[in-house]
Amino acid sequence: MAIVAAGIPWKQLILLAPDIAKGAKAIWGQWKSKPVPEPIDANKSPGDQLAAISKRLLALEANEANQSRLVSEMADQVQVIAVGLRETAARQTVIIWVAGAALLLAITGLVVALLR
Protein backbone atom coordinates (compact mmCIF):
# COMPACT_ATOMS: atom_id res chain seq x y z
CA MET A 1 0.00 0.00 0.00
CA ALA A 2 2.83 2.39 0.85
CA ILE A 3 4.50 1.67 -2.49
CA VAL A 4 1.29 2.51 -4.33
CA ALA A 5 0.92 5.77 -2.40
CA ALA A 6 4.51 6.63 -3.29
CA GLY A 7 3.51 6.94 -6.98
CA ILE A 8 1.05 9.75 -6.32
CA PRO A 9 2.60 13.19 -6.76
CA TRP A 10 1.80 14.23 -3.18
CA LYS A 11 4.28 17.08 -3.24
CA GLN A 12 2.53 18.66 -6.21
CA LEU A 13 -0.92 18.09 -4.73
CA ILE A 14 0.10 19.62 -1.41
CA LEU A 15 1.77 22.56 -3.12
CA LEU A 16 -1.27 23.20 -5.33
CA ALA A 17 -3.89 22.75 -2.60
CA PRO A 18 -3.86 26.40 -1.42
CA ASP A 19 -4.19 27.64 -5.02
CA ILE A 20 -7.07 25.25 -5.64
CA ALA A 21 -8.80 26.43 -2.46
CA LYS A 22 -8.27 30.11 -3.36
CA GLY A 23 -9.63 29.51 -6.85
CA ALA A 24 -12.69 27.73 -5.50
CA LYS A 25 -13.33 30.55 -3.00
CA ALA A 26 -12.94 33.18 -5.72
CA ILE A 27 -15.36 31.39 -8.02
CA TRP A 28 -17.84 30.94 -5.18
CA GLY A 29 -17.49 34.62 -4.26
CA GLN A 30 -18.17 35.67 -7.84
CA TRP A 31 -21.16 33.37 -8.06
CA LYS A 32 -22.56 34.41 -4.68
CA SER A 33 -22.14 38.17 -5.26
CA LYS A 34 -23.26 38.03 -8.87
CA PRO A 35 -25.90 40.69 -9.42
CA VAL A 36 -29.23 39.55 -10.77
CA PRO A 37 -29.70 41.06 -14.23
CA GLU A 38 -32.53 43.48 -14.66
CA PRO A 39 -35.34 42.19 -16.82
CA ILE A 40 -35.58 43.79 -20.23
CA ASP A 41 -38.57 46.11 -20.31
CA ALA A 42 -40.56 45.60 -23.48
CA ASN A 43 -42.01 49.10 -23.16
CA LYS A 44 -38.60 50.82 -23.47
CA SER A 45 -37.18 52.08 -26.73
CA PRO A 46 -35.39 49.61 -28.98
CA GLY A 47 -32.07 51.37 -28.27
CA ASP A 48 -32.49 50.87 -24.51
CA GLN A 49 -33.48 47.25 -25.05
CA LEU A 50 -30.41 46.66 -27.22
CA ALA A 51 -28.19 48.25 -24.58
CA ALA A 52 -29.64 45.96 -21.89
CA ILE A 53 -29.21 42.91 -24.14
CA SER A 54 -25.64 43.97 -24.93
CA LYS A 55 -24.87 44.32 -21.22
CA ARG A 56 -26.22 40.84 -20.54
CA LEU A 57 -24.27 39.42 -23.48
CA LEU A 58 -21.00 40.92 -22.20
CA ALA A 59 -21.66 39.39 -18.77
CA LEU A 60 -22.31 35.99 -20.38
CA GLU A 61 -19.09 36.24 -22.41
CA ALA A 62 -17.07 37.10 -19.29
CA ASN A 63 -18.64 34.15 -17.49
CA GLU A 64 -17.82 31.89 -20.43
CA ALA A 65 -14.18 33.03 -20.33
CA ASN A 66 -13.99 32.22 -16.61
CA GLN A 67 -15.52 28.80 -17.22
CA SER A 68 -13.04 28.03 -20.02
CA ARG A 69 -10.12 29.01 -17.79
CA LEU A 70 -11.48 26.78 -15.04
CA VAL A 71 -11.95 23.84 -17.43
CA SER A 72 -8.39 24.33 -18.69
CA GLU A 73 -7.01 24.27 -15.13
CA MET A 74 -9.07 21.16 -14.34
CA ALA A 75 -7.72 19.45 -17.47
CA ASP A 76 -4.16 20.22 -16.36
CA GLN A 77 -4.87 18.74 -12.92
CA VAL A 78 -6.47 15.64 -14.44
CA GLN A 79 -3.39 15.21 -16.63
CA VAL A 80 -1.11 15.29 -13.58
CA ILE A 81 -3.32 12.72 -11.83
CA ALA A 82 -3.35 10.51 -14.95
CA VAL A 83 0.45 10.52 -15.09
CA GLY A 84 0.56 9.56 -11.41
CA LEU A 85 -1.93 6.75 -12.00
CA ARG A 86 0.12 5.41 -14.92
CA GLU A 87 3.22 5.36 -12.74
CA THR A 88 1.28 3.63 -9.98
CA ALA A 89 -0.06 1.01 -12.41
CA ALA A 90 3.45 0.31 -13.70
CA ARG A 91 4.74 -0.12 -10.16
CA GLN A 92 1.86 -2.42 -9.29
CA THR A 93 2.66 -4.58 -12.31
CA VAL A 94 6.26 -4.92 -11.17
CA ILE A 95 5.11 -5.74 -7.64
CA ILE A 96 2.77 -8.45 -8.91
CA TRP A 97 5.58 -10.05 -10.94
CA VAL A 98 7.95 -9.92 -7.97
CA ALA A 99 5.27 -11.42 -5.71
CA GLY A 100 4.60 -14.17 -8.25
CA ALA A 101 8.31 -14.97 -8.48
CA ALA A 102 8.56 -15.01 -4.67
CA LEU A 103 5.58 -17.35 -4.48
CA LEU A 104 7.13 -19.67 -7.05
CA LEU A 105 10.43 -19.62 -5.15
CA ALA A 106 8.64 -20.34 -1.87
CA ILE A 107 6.72 -23.27 -3.34
CA THR A 108 9.94 -24.65 -4.85
CA GLY A 109 11.70 -24.31 -1.51
CA LEU A 110 8.82 -26.03 0.27
CA VAL A 111 8.83 -28.93 -2.20
CA VAL A 112 12.60 -29.31 -1.87
CA ALA A 113 12.35 -29.23 1.92
CA LEU A 114 9.57 -31.85 1.95
CA LEU A 115 11.42 -34.19 -0.41
CA ARG A 116 14.59 -34.27 1.70
C-alpha atoms as a PDB file:
ATOM      1  CA  MET A   1       0.000   0.000   0.000  1.00  0.00           C
ATOM      2  CA  ALA A   2       2.827   2.387   0.850  1.00  0.00           C
ATOM      3  CA  ILE A   3       4.503   1.674  -2.486  1.00  0.00           C
ATOM      4  CA  VAL A   4       1.290   2.510  -4.327  1.00  0.00           C
ATOM      5  CA  ALA A   5       0.923   5.767  -2.401  1.00  0.00           C
ATOM      6  CA  ALA A   6       4.510   6.634  -3.295  1.00  0.00           C
ATOM      7  CA  GLY A   7       3.510   6.941  -6.975  1.00  0.00           C
ATOM      8  CA  ILE A   8       1.049   9.752  -6.319  1.00  0.00           C
ATOM      9  CA  PRO A   9       2.601  13.192  -6.755  1.00  0.00           C
ATOM     10  CA  TRP A  10       1.796  14.229  -3.179  1.00  0.00           C
ATOM     11  CA  LYS A  11       4.280  17.077  -3.237  1.00  0.00           C
ATOM     12  CA  GLN A  12       2.525  18.665  -6.214  1.00  0.00           C
ATOM     13  CA  LEU A  13      -0.920  18.085  -4.727  1.00  0.00           C
ATOM     14  CA  ILE A  14       0.099  19.619  -1.407  1.00  0.00           C
ATOM     15  CA  LEU A  15       1.768  22.562  -3.118  1.00  0.00           C
ATOM     16  CA  LEU A  16      -1.267  23.203  -5.330  1.00  0.00           C
ATOM     17  CA  ALA A  17      -3.893  22.746  -2.598  1.00  0.00           C
ATOM     18  CA  PRO A  18      -3.859  26.399  -1.425  1.00  0.00           C
ATOM     19  CA  ASP A  19      -4.192  27.638  -5.019  1.00  0.00           C
ATOM     20  CA  ILE A  20      -7.067  25.254  -5.636  1.00  0.00           C
ATOM     21  CA  ALA A  21      -8.802  26.430  -2.456  1.00  0.00           C
ATOM     22  CA  LYS A  22      -8.268  30.114  -3.359  1.00  0.00           C
ATOM     23  CA  GLY A  23      -9.631  29.514  -6.851  1.00  0.00           C
ATOM     24  CA  ALA A  24     -12.689  27.734  -5.497  1.00  0.00           C
ATOM     25  CA  LYS A  25     -13.329  30.545  -3.000  1.00  0.00           C
ATOM     26  CA  ALA A  26     -12.945  33.183  -5.724  1.00  0.00           C
ATOM     27  CA  ILE A  27     -15.358  31.390  -8.018  1.00  0.00           C
ATOM     28  CA  TRP A  28     -17.845  30.937  -5.179  1.00  0.00           C
ATOM     29  CA  GLY A  29     -17.492  34.617  -4.255  1.00  0.00           C
ATOM     30  CA  GLN A  30     -18.174  35.669  -7.841  1.00  0.00           C
ATOM     31  CA  TRP A  31     -21.162  33.375  -8.058  1.00  0.00           C
ATOM     32  CA  LYS A  32     -22.560  34.413  -4.683  1.00  0.00           C
ATOM     33  CA  SER A  33     -22.143  38.168  -5.263  1.00  0.00           C
ATOM     34  CA  LYS A  34     -23.260  38.029  -8.869  1.00  0.00           C
ATOM     35  CA  PRO A  35     -25.904  40.687  -9.417  1.00  0.00           C
ATOM     36  CA  VAL A  36     -29.226  39.549 -10.769  1.00  0.00           C
ATOM     37  CA  PRO A  37     -29.700  41.055 -14.230  1.00  0.00           C
ATOM     38  CA  GLU A  38     -32.530  43.476 -14.660  1.00  0.00           C
ATOM     39  CA  PRO A  39     -35.342  42.190 -16.821  1.00  0.00           C
ATOM     40  CA  ILE A  40     -35.582  43.790 -20.234  1.00  0.00           C
ATOM     41  CA  ASP A  41     -38.567  46.111 -20.310  1.00  0.00           C
ATOM     42  CA  ALA A  42     -40.564  45.598 -23.478  1.00  0.00           C
ATOM     43  CA  ASN A  43     -42.005  49.098 -23.156  1.00  0.00           C
ATOM     44  CA  LYS A  44     -38.603  50.822 -23.472  1.00  0.00           C
ATOM     45  CA  SER A  45     -37.181  52.083 -26.729  1.00  0.00           C
ATOM     46  CA  PRO A  46     -35.387  49.605 -28.978  1.00  0.00           C
ATOM     47  CA  GLY A  47     -32.074  51.372 -28.266  1.00  0.00           C
ATOM     48  CA  ASP A  48     -32.486  50.869 -24.513  1.00  0.00           C
ATOM     49  CA  GLN A  49     -33.479  47.255 -25.046  1.00  0.00           C
ATOM     50  CA  LEU A  50     -30.406  46.656 -27.219  1.00  0.00           C
ATOM     51  CA  ALA A  51     -28.189  48.252 -24.580  1.00  0.00           C
ATOM     52  CA  ALA A  52     -29.644  45.958 -21.892  1.00  0.00           C
ATOM     53  CA  ILE A  53     -29.207  42.913 -24.141  1.00  0.00           C
ATOM     54  CA  SER A  54     -25.636  43.975 -24.934  1.00  0.00           C
ATOM     55  CA  LYS A  55     -24.869  44.324 -21.219  1.00  0.00           C
ATOM     56  CA  ARG A  56     -26.217  40.840 -20.543  1.00  0.00           C
ATOM     57  CA  LEU A  57     -24.269  39.424 -23.482  1.00  0.00           C
ATOM     58  CA  LEU A  58     -21.004  40.925 -22.198  1.00  0.00           C
ATOM     59  CA  ALA A  59     -21.664  39.389 -18.772  1.00  0.00           C
ATOM     60  CA  LEU A  60     -22.307  35.994 -20.381  1.00  0.00           C
ATOM     61  CA  GLU A  61     -19.087  36.236 -22.407  1.00  0.00           C
ATOM     62  CA  ALA A  62     -17.073  37.103 -19.287  1.00  0.00           C
ATOM     63  CA  ASN A  63     -18.637  34.150 -17.487  1.00  0.00           C
ATOM     64  CA  GLU A  64     -17.818  31.889 -20.431  1.00  0.00           C
ATOM     65  CA  ALA A  65     -14.175  33.030 -20.331  1.00  0.00           C
ATOM     66  CA  ASN A  66     -13.991  32.224 -16.608  1.00  0.00           C
ATOM     67  CA  GLN A  67     -15.515  28.802 -17.221  1.00  0.00           C
ATOM     68  CA  SER A  68     -13.044  28.031 -20.024  1.00  0.00           C
ATOM     69  CA  ARG A  69     -10.118  29.013 -17.794  1.00  0.00           C
ATOM     70  CA  LEU A  70     -11.479  26.779 -15.040  1.00  0.00           C
ATOM     71  CA  VAL A  71     -11.945  23.843 -17.427  1.00  0.00           C
ATOM     72  CA  SER A  72      -8.391  24.326 -18.686  1.00  0.00           C
ATOM     73  CA  GLU A  73      -7.015  24.271 -15.132  1.00  0.00           C
ATOM     74  CA  MET A  74      -9.070  21.161 -14.342  1.00  0.00           C
ATOM     75  CA  ALA A  75      -7.721  19.454 -17.474  1.00  0.00           C
ATOM     76  CA  ASP A  76      -4.159  20.216 -16.356  1.00  0.00           C
ATOM     77  CA  GLN A  77      -4.871  18.743 -12.924  1.00  0.00           C
ATOM     78  CA  VAL A  78      -6.468  15.640 -14.438  1.00  0.00           C
ATOM     79  CA  GLN A  79      -3.389  15.205 -16.635  1.00  0.00           C
ATOM     80  CA  VAL A  80      -1.108  15.293 -13.575  1.00  0.00           C
ATOM     81  CA  ILE A  81      -3.318  12.724 -11.828  1.00  0.00           C
ATOM     82  CA  ALA A  82      -3.349  10.515 -14.950  1.00  0.00           C
ATOM     83  CA  VAL A  83       0.453  10.520 -15.087  1.00  0.00           C
ATOM     84  CA  GLY A  84       0.565   9.556 -11.412  1.00  0.00           C
ATOM     85  CA  LEU A  85      -1.927   6.748 -12.003  1.00  0.00           C
ATOM     86  CA  ARG A  86       0.117   5.406 -14.922  1.00  0.00           C
ATOM     87  CA  GLU A  87       3.221   5.357 -12.736  1.00  0.00           C
ATOM     88  CA  THR A  88       1.278   3.629  -9.977  1.00  0.00           C
ATOM     89  CA  ALA A  89      -0.055   1.014 -12.411  1.00  0.00           C
ATOM     90  CA  ALA A  90       3.452   0.313 -13.699  1.00  0.00           C
ATOM     91  CA  ARG A  91       4.740  -0.116 -10.161  1.00  0.00           C
ATOM     92  CA  GLN A  92       1.858  -2.420  -9.290  1.00  0.00           C
ATOM     93  CA  THR A  93       2.656  -4.579 -12.310  1.00  0.00           C
ATOM     94  CA  VAL A  94       6.260  -4.917 -11.171  1.00  0.00           C
ATOM     95  CA  ILE A  95       5.115  -5.736  -7.636  1.00  0.00           C
ATOM     96  CA  ILE A  96       2.767  -8.452  -8.913  1.00  0.00           C
ATOM     97  CA  TRP A  97       5.578 -10.050 -10.945  1.00  0.00           C
ATOM     98  CA  VAL A  98       7.951  -9.925  -7.966  1.00  0.00           C
ATOM     99  CA  ALA A  99       5.266 -11.422  -5.706  1.00  0.00           C
ATOM    100  CA  GLY A 100       4.599 -14.172  -8.250  1.00  0.00           C
ATOM    101  CA  ALA A 101       8.306 -14.968  -8.481  1.00  0.00           C
ATOM    102  CA  ALA A 102       8.564 -15.009  -4.674  1.00  0.00           C
ATOM    103  CA  LEU A 103       5.584 -17.353  -4.482  1.00  0.00           C
ATOM    104  CA  LEU A 104       7.129 -19.671  -7.046  1.00  0.00           C
ATOM    105  CA  LEU A 105      10.434 -19.617  -5.153  1.00  0.00           C
ATOM    106  CA  ALA A 106       8.635 -20.338  -1.866  1.00  0.00           C
ATOM    107  CA  ILE A 107       6.721 -23.273  -3.337  1.00  0.00           C
ATOM    108  CA  THR A 108       9.940 -24.649  -4.851  1.00  0.00           C
ATOM    109  CA  GLY A 109      11.703 -24.312  -1.508  1.00  0.00           C
ATOM    110  CA  LEU A 110       8.820 -26.034   0.265  1.00  0.00           C
ATOM    111  CA  VAL A 111       8.832 -28.926  -2.201  1.00  0.00           C
ATOM    112  CA  VAL A 112      12.603 -29.307  -1.867  1.00  0.00           C
ATOM    113  CA  ALA A 113      12.346 -29.233   1.920  1.00  0.00           C
ATOM    114  CA  LEU A 114       9.570 -31.848   1.952  1.00  0.00           C
ATOM    115  CA  LEU A 115      11.422 -34.192  -0.413  1.00  0.00           C
ATOM    116  CA  ARG A 116      14.593 -34.269   1.702  1.00  0.00           C
END
